[in-house]
Amino acid sequence: MAHILIVEDDRLVLTGLANGLEALGYVASKASSGEQALEILDTVKPDLVVMDACLPGISGIETAKQILHAVCGSRRNMACAMLARQPSFRLARFIEIRQVNF
């Protein structure tokens, strides 16, 4: 079954999403920050990363860029879904990622 890394700083959302995915048969790893996600990626190779765009510390955007560079270096394909609930989150931030082919 597919392995999904969930990166979310809200503990209730993180746990609820992980439990729901596991109930559907997926393997879920959880990280509460961009830094923790990058550490997990040293040992776990998920098929999909679902990430909050607005994280404390390293932002979701910066974490996605670092994941991209790590994936490109390993010649693996990995999908990344970025989530944002704040109305102030602008499309320009996604365009920033596009500039690095993410």
Protein backbone atom coordinates (compact mmCIF):
# COMPACT_ATOMS: atom_id res chain seq x y z
CA MET A 1 0.00 0.00 0.00
CA ALA A 2 1.11 3.57 -0.60
CA HIS A 3 3.06 5.41 2.08
CA ILE A 4 1.98 8.97 2.88
CA LEU A 5 3.92 11.52 4.92
CA ILE A 6 1.63 14.07 6.58
CA VAL A 7 3.19 17.37 7.70
CA GLU A 8 0.83 19.43 9.86
CA ASP A 9 1.42 21.51 12.99
CA ASP A 10 -2.16 21.17 14.29
CA ARG A 11 -2.07 17.96 16.32
CA LEU A 12 -5.80 17.22 15.91
CA VAL A 13 -5.66 17.62 12.12
CA LEU A 14 -2.45 15.57 11.92
CA THR A 15 -3.83 12.71 14.00
CA GLY A 16 -7.25 12.75 12.34
CA LEU A 17 -5.80 12.69 8.84
CA ALA A 18 -3.32 9.93 9.72
CA ASN A 19 -6.01 7.80 11.37
CA GLY A 20 -8.34 8.25 8.40
CA LEU A 21 -5.68 7.28 5.89
CA GLU A 22 -4.62 4.27 7.95
CA ALA A 23 -8.27 3.16 8.18
CA LEU A 24 -8.27 3.17 4.37
CA GLY A 25 -5.20 0.93 4.34
CA TYR A 26 -2.46 3.48 3.72
CA VAL A 27 0.76 3.66 5.72
CA ALA A 28 1.03 7.12 7.29
CA SER A 29 4.04 8.86 8.81
CA LYS A 30 3.49 12.06 10.78
CA ALA A 31 5.57 15.20 11.16
CA SER A 32 4.58 18.36 13.00
CA SER A 33 7.16 20.64 11.35
CA GLY A 34 9.16 21.02 8.17
CA GLU A 35 12.32 20.18 10.06
CA GLN A 36 10.81 16.93 11.36
CA ALA A 37 9.57 16.04 7.87
CA LEU A 38 13.07 16.43 6.44
CA GLU A 39 14.47 14.20 9.20
CA ILE A 40 11.84 11.54 8.47
CA LEU A 41 12.69 11.65 4.76
CA ASP A 42 16.22 10.48 5.63
CA THR A 43 14.80 7.05 6.49
CA VAL A 44 11.29 6.90 5.00
CA LYS A 45 10.57 7.19 1.27
CA PRO A 46 6.87 8.07 0.98
CA ASP A 47 4.89 8.00 -2.25
CA LEU A 48 3.06 11.20 -1.31
CA VAL A 49 3.66 14.14 1.01
CA VAL A 50 0.59 16.04 2.25
CA MET A 51 1.78 19.25 3.84
CA ASP A 52 0.40 22.37 5.46
CA ALA A 53 1.74 25.39 3.56
CA CYS A 54 2.00 27.51 6.71
CA LEU A 55 4.22 25.73 9.20
CA PRO A 56 6.23 27.19 12.10
CA GLY A 57 9.97 27.26 11.52
CA ILE A 58 10.72 26.12 7.99
CA SER A 59 7.60 26.95 5.97
CA GLY A 60 5.76 24.36 3.92
CA ILE A 61 7.00 26.13 0.77
CA GLU A 62 10.65 25.91 1.83
CA THR A 63 10.19 22.31 2.99
CA ALA A 64 8.69 21.43 -0.41
CA LYS A 65 11.70 22.98 -2.16
CA GLN A 66 14.08 20.95 -0.01
CA ILE A 67 12.08 17.78 -0.68
CA LEU A 68 12.23 18.51 -4.40
CA HIS A 69 16.00 18.85 -4.34
CA ALA A 70 16.34 15.62 -2.33
CA VAL A 71 14.03 13.74 -4.69
CA CYS A 72 15.79 15.07 -7.79
CA GLY A 73 19.09 13.93 -6.35
CA SER A 74 17.77 10.40 -5.82
CA ARG A 75 15.98 10.28 -9.19
CA ARG A 76 12.72 9.22 -7.46
CA ASN A 77 9.29 10.52 -8.25
CA MET A 78 7.23 11.79 -5.34
CA ALA A 79 3.99 13.76 -5.31
CA CYS A 80 3.45 16.61 -2.87
CA ALA A 81 0.08 18.13 -2.02
CA MET A 82 0.15 21.54 -0.37
CA LEU A 83 -2.74 22.55 1.89
CA ALA A 84 -3.58 26.08 3.08
CA ARG A 85 -6.60 27.24 5.01
CA GLN A 86 -5.54 30.85 5.53
CA PRO A 87 -7.19 33.24 3.05
CA SER A 88 -3.98 35.28 2.98
CA PHE A 89 -2.08 32.42 1.35
CA ARG A 90 -1.53 33.64 -2.19
CA LEU A 91 -1.04 31.90 -5.51
CA ALA A 92 2.31 33.68 -5.83
CA ARG A 93 3.73 31.32 -3.20
CA PHE A 94 2.82 28.33 -5.36
CA ILE A 95 4.38 30.05 -8.38
CA GLU A 96 7.58 30.32 -6.34
CA ILE A 97 7.65 26.51 -6.10
CA ARG A 98 6.88 26.14 -9.81
CA GLN A 99 10.07 28.05 -10.53
CA VAL A 100 12.01 25.11 -9.14
CA ASN A 101 9.89 22.62 -11.14
CA PHE A 102 7.94 21.29 -8.20
